[in-house]
Amino acid sequence: MLTRFINQKLKNARYKLLKDGSYFGEIPSLKGVWANARNLEDCRNELREVLEEWLVFKLKEEENIPGFEFNKRISVRHA
């Protein structure tokens, strides 16, 4: 489930070659998920890491994640 979400979002990533020769990558549908690196491969890898960390944070904080459905488990205490 998580891997599928990450791979789907990375397919929608956009990359730009900047004037200084570095690359900028972002996932437009996810605010704040972007990366910058000296080459395209490193930019892609960094963007994946940023997305993974962003996703973990959102899940931990129980925040809305666009395009991701998460069903919380309800724990019931037995007396």
N, C-alpha and C. Protein backbone atom coordinates (compact mmCIF):
# COMPACT_ATOMS: atom_id res chain seq x y z
N MET A 1 0.82 -1.18 0.00
CA MET A 1 0.00 0.00 0.00
C MET A 1 0.87 1.26 0.00
N LEU A 2 1.83 1.35 0.89
CA LEU A 2 2.70 2.53 0.94
C LEU A 2 3.61 2.61 -0.28
N THR A 3 4.17 1.48 -0.66
CA THR A 3 5.06 1.45 -1.82
C THR A 3 4.31 1.86 -3.08
N ARG A 4 3.10 1.37 -3.22
CA ARG A 4 2.29 1.72 -4.40
C ARG A 4 2.01 3.22 -4.43
N PHE A 5 1.66 3.79 -3.27
CA PHE A 5 1.40 5.23 -3.19
C PHE A 5 2.66 6.02 -3.57
N ILE A 6 3.80 5.64 -3.01
CA ILE A 6 5.06 6.34 -3.28
C ILE A 6 5.41 6.26 -4.76
N ASN A 7 5.32 5.06 -5.33
CA ASN A 7 5.66 4.90 -6.75
C ASN A 7 4.71 5.69 -7.65
N GLN A 8 3.44 5.70 -7.29
CA GLN A 8 2.46 6.46 -8.08
C GLN A 8 2.79 7.95 -8.05
N LYS A 9 3.09 8.48 -6.88
CA LYS A 9 3.39 9.90 -6.76
C LYS A 9 4.70 10.25 -7.47
N LEU A 10 5.68 9.37 -7.41
CA LEU A 10 6.96 9.64 -8.09
C LEU A 10 6.81 9.66 -9.60
N LYS A 11 5.83 8.92 -10.13
CA LYS A 11 5.57 8.97 -11.58
C LYS A 11 5.09 10.35 -12.00
N ASN A 12 4.48 11.09 -11.07
CA ASN A 12 3.96 12.43 -11.37
C ASN A 12 4.95 13.54 -11.03
N ALA A 13 6.16 13.16 -10.63
CA ALA A 13 7.17 14.15 -10.27
C ALA A 13 7.60 14.95 -11.50
N ARG A 14 7.96 16.18 -11.26
CA ARG A 14 8.47 17.06 -12.32
C ARG A 14 9.89 17.48 -11.95
N TYR A 15 10.75 17.49 -12.95
CA TYR A 15 12.14 17.85 -12.73
C TYR A 15 12.53 19.00 -13.65
N LYS A 16 13.38 19.89 -13.12
CA LYS A 16 13.89 21.01 -13.91
C LYS A 16 15.39 21.08 -13.75
N LEU A 17 16.06 21.40 -14.85
CA LEU A 17 17.48 21.70 -14.80
C LEU A 17 17.61 23.19 -14.52
N LEU A 18 18.27 23.53 -13.42
CA LEU A 18 18.41 24.93 -13.03
C LEU A 18 19.63 25.56 -13.69
N LYS A 19 19.68 26.88 -13.66
CA LYS A 19 20.78 27.62 -14.30
C LYS A 19 22.15 27.24 -13.76
N ASP A 20 22.21 26.87 -12.49
CA ASP A 20 23.50 26.50 -11.90
C ASP A 20 23.92 25.07 -12.22
N GLY A 21 23.10 24.36 -13.01
CA GLY A 21 23.43 22.99 -13.41
C GLY A 21 22.87 21.92 -12.49
N SER A 22 22.24 22.32 -11.40
CA SER A 22 21.64 21.34 -10.50
C SER A 22 20.20 21.05 -10.95
N TYR A 23 19.61 20.05 -10.34
CA TYR A 23 18.25 19.65 -10.67
C TYR A 23 17.31 19.91 -9.50
N PHE A 24 16.10 20.33 -9.83
CA PHE A 24 15.05 20.54 -8.86
C PHE A 24 13.92 19.59 -9.21
N GLY A 25 13.42 18.87 -8.22
CA GLY A 25 12.31 17.95 -8.44
C GLY A 25 11.22 18.21 -7.44
N GLU A 26 9.97 18.03 -7.88
CA GLU A 26 8.84 18.24 -6.99
C GLU A 26 7.69 17.32 -7.38
N ILE A 27 6.81 17.13 -6.43
CA ILE A 27 5.55 16.43 -6.68
C ILE A 27 4.47 17.47 -6.47
N PRO A 28 3.96 18.05 -7.56
CA PRO A 28 3.06 19.19 -7.47
C PRO A 28 1.82 18.97 -6.60
N SER A 29 1.32 17.76 -6.55
CA SER A 29 0.10 17.50 -5.78
C SER A 29 0.35 17.40 -4.27
N LEU A 30 1.62 17.40 -3.86
CA LEU A 30 1.95 17.27 -2.43
C LEU A 30 2.79 18.48 -2.00
N LYS A 31 2.15 19.41 -1.35
CA LYS A 31 2.80 20.64 -0.92
C LYS A 31 4.00 20.34 -0.02
N GLY A 32 5.13 20.92 -0.37
CA GLY A 32 6.34 20.77 0.45
C GLY A 32 7.21 19.59 0.10
N VAL A 33 6.80 18.79 -0.89
CA VAL A 33 7.61 17.63 -1.27
C VAL A 33 8.44 18.02 -2.49
N TRP A 34 9.72 18.35 -2.24
CA TRP A 34 10.63 18.76 -3.30
C TRP A 34 12.05 18.40 -2.91
N ALA A 35 12.93 18.41 -3.90
CA ALA A 35 14.34 18.09 -3.66
C ALA A 35 15.20 18.84 -4.66
N ASN A 36 16.47 18.98 -4.31
CA ASN A 36 17.44 19.64 -5.17
C ASN A 36 18.76 18.88 -5.05
N ALA A 37 19.38 18.58 -6.20
CA ALA A 37 20.65 17.85 -6.17
C ALA A 37 21.48 18.19 -7.41
N ARG A 38 22.74 17.80 -7.38
CA ARG A 38 23.67 18.13 -8.47
C ARG A 38 23.38 17.38 -9.76
N ASN A 39 22.78 16.18 -9.66
CA ASN A 39 22.46 15.45 -10.89
C ASN A 39 21.06 14.86 -10.76
N LEU A 40 20.50 14.43 -11.88
CA LEU A 40 19.12 13.97 -11.92
C LEU A 40 18.90 12.72 -11.07
N GLU A 41 19.81 11.78 -11.12
CA GLU A 41 19.67 10.55 -10.34
C GLU A 41 19.63 10.85 -8.84
N ASP A 42 20.52 11.72 -8.38
CA ASP A 42 20.52 12.08 -6.97
C ASP A 42 19.26 12.84 -6.59
N CYS A 43 18.76 13.66 -7.50
CA CYS A 43 17.54 14.41 -7.25
C CYS A 43 16.36 13.44 -7.09
N ARG A 44 16.29 12.45 -7.96
CA ARG A 44 15.22 11.45 -7.86
C ARG A 44 15.29 10.69 -6.54
N ASN A 45 16.50 10.28 -6.16
CA ASN A 45 16.67 9.56 -4.90
C ASN A 45 16.29 10.42 -3.70
N GLU A 46 16.72 11.66 -3.73
CA GLU A 46 16.41 12.58 -2.63
C GLU A 46 14.91 12.85 -2.56
N LEU A 47 14.27 12.98 -3.71
CA LEU A 47 12.82 13.22 -3.74
C LEU A 47 12.07 12.03 -3.15
N ARG A 48 12.53 10.82 -3.43
CA ARG A 48 11.91 9.62 -2.84
C ARG A 48 12.03 9.66 -1.31
N GLU A 49 13.21 10.00 -0.82
CA GLU A 49 13.41 10.07 0.63
C GLU A 49 12.54 11.14 1.27
N VAL A 50 12.45 12.30 0.63
CA VAL A 50 11.61 13.37 1.14
C VAL A 50 10.15 12.92 1.18
N LEU A 51 9.70 12.26 0.12
CA LEU A 51 8.33 11.78 0.07
C LEU A 51 8.07 10.75 1.18
N GLU A 52 8.99 9.84 1.39
CA GLU A 52 8.84 8.83 2.44
C GLU A 52 8.75 9.49 3.81
N GLU A 53 9.62 10.44 4.09
CA GLU A 53 9.61 11.13 5.39
C GLU A 53 8.34 11.95 5.56
N TRP A 54 7.90 12.60 4.49
CA TRP A 54 6.67 13.39 4.51
C TRP A 54 5.48 12.48 4.82
N LEU A 55 5.43 11.32 4.18
CA LEU A 55 4.34 10.37 4.39
C LEU A 55 4.31 9.84 5.82
N VAL A 56 5.47 9.48 6.35
CA VAL A 56 5.54 9.01 7.74
C VAL A 56 5.06 10.09 8.70
N PHE A 57 5.48 11.33 8.48
CA PHE A 57 5.06 12.43 9.33
C PHE A 57 3.54 12.60 9.28
N LYS A 58 2.98 12.62 8.07
CA LYS A 58 1.53 12.80 7.91
C LYS A 58 0.76 11.67 8.59
N LEU A 59 1.22 10.44 8.45
CA LEU A 59 0.55 9.32 9.10
C LEU A 59 0.63 9.43 10.62
N LYS A 60 1.81 9.78 11.11
CA LYS A 60 1.99 9.92 12.56
C LYS A 60 1.08 11.00 13.13
N GLU A 61 0.96 12.10 12.42
CA GLU A 61 0.13 13.22 12.89
C GLU A 61 -1.35 13.06 12.51
N GLU A 62 -1.66 11.96 11.84
CA GLU A 62 -3.02 11.66 11.39
C GLU A 62 -3.60 12.79 10.54
N GLU A 63 -2.75 13.35 9.69
CA GLU A 63 -3.16 14.42 8.79
C GLU A 63 -3.63 13.84 7.46
N ASN A 64 -4.43 14.62 6.76
CA ASN A 64 -4.93 14.21 5.46
C ASN A 64 -3.78 14.08 4.46
N ILE A 65 -3.83 13.02 3.68
CA ILE A 65 -2.83 12.78 2.64
C ILE A 65 -3.58 12.67 1.32
N PRO A 66 -3.40 13.65 0.43
CA PRO A 66 -4.10 13.62 -0.85
C PRO A 66 -3.82 12.34 -1.64
N GLY A 67 -4.87 11.63 -2.02
CA GLY A 67 -4.72 10.42 -2.81
C GLY A 67 -4.40 9.17 -2.02
N PHE A 68 -4.46 9.24 -0.70
CA PHE A 68 -4.12 8.09 0.14
C PHE A 68 -5.24 7.86 1.13
N GLU A 69 -5.77 6.66 1.14
CA GLU A 69 -6.81 6.30 2.10
C GLU A 69 -6.20 5.42 3.16
N PHE A 70 -6.38 5.82 4.40
CA PHE A 70 -5.80 5.09 5.52
C PHE A 70 -6.92 4.74 6.49
N ASN A 71 -7.10 3.47 6.74
CA ASN A 71 -8.11 3.03 7.70
C ASN A 71 -7.43 2.73 9.02
N LYS A 72 -7.80 3.51 10.03
CA LYS A 72 -7.22 3.30 11.35
C LYS A 72 -7.83 2.05 11.96
N ARG A 73 -7.04 1.33 12.67
CA ARG A 73 -7.55 0.19 13.41
C ARG A 73 -8.09 0.70 14.74
N ILE A 74 -9.23 0.21 15.09
CA ILE A 74 -9.83 0.59 16.37
C ILE A 74 -9.46 -0.49 17.38
N SER A 75 -8.79 -0.07 18.42
CA SER A 75 -8.42 -1.03 19.45
C SER A 75 -9.47 -1.00 20.55
N VAL A 76 -9.87 -2.15 20.97
CA VAL A 76 -10.88 -2.27 22.01
C VAL A 76 -10.25 -2.96 23.20
N ARG A 77 -10.39 -2.34 24.35
CA ARG A 77 -9.85 -2.95 25.58
C ARG A 77 -10.88 -3.90 26.17
N HIS A 78 -10.41 -5.03 26.57
CA HIS A 78 -11.28 -6.00 27.23
C HIS A 78 -11.07 -5.90 28.71
N ALA A 79 -12.17 -5.93 29.45
CA ALA A 79 -12.10 -5.81 30.92
C ALA A 79 -11.68 -7.11 31.54
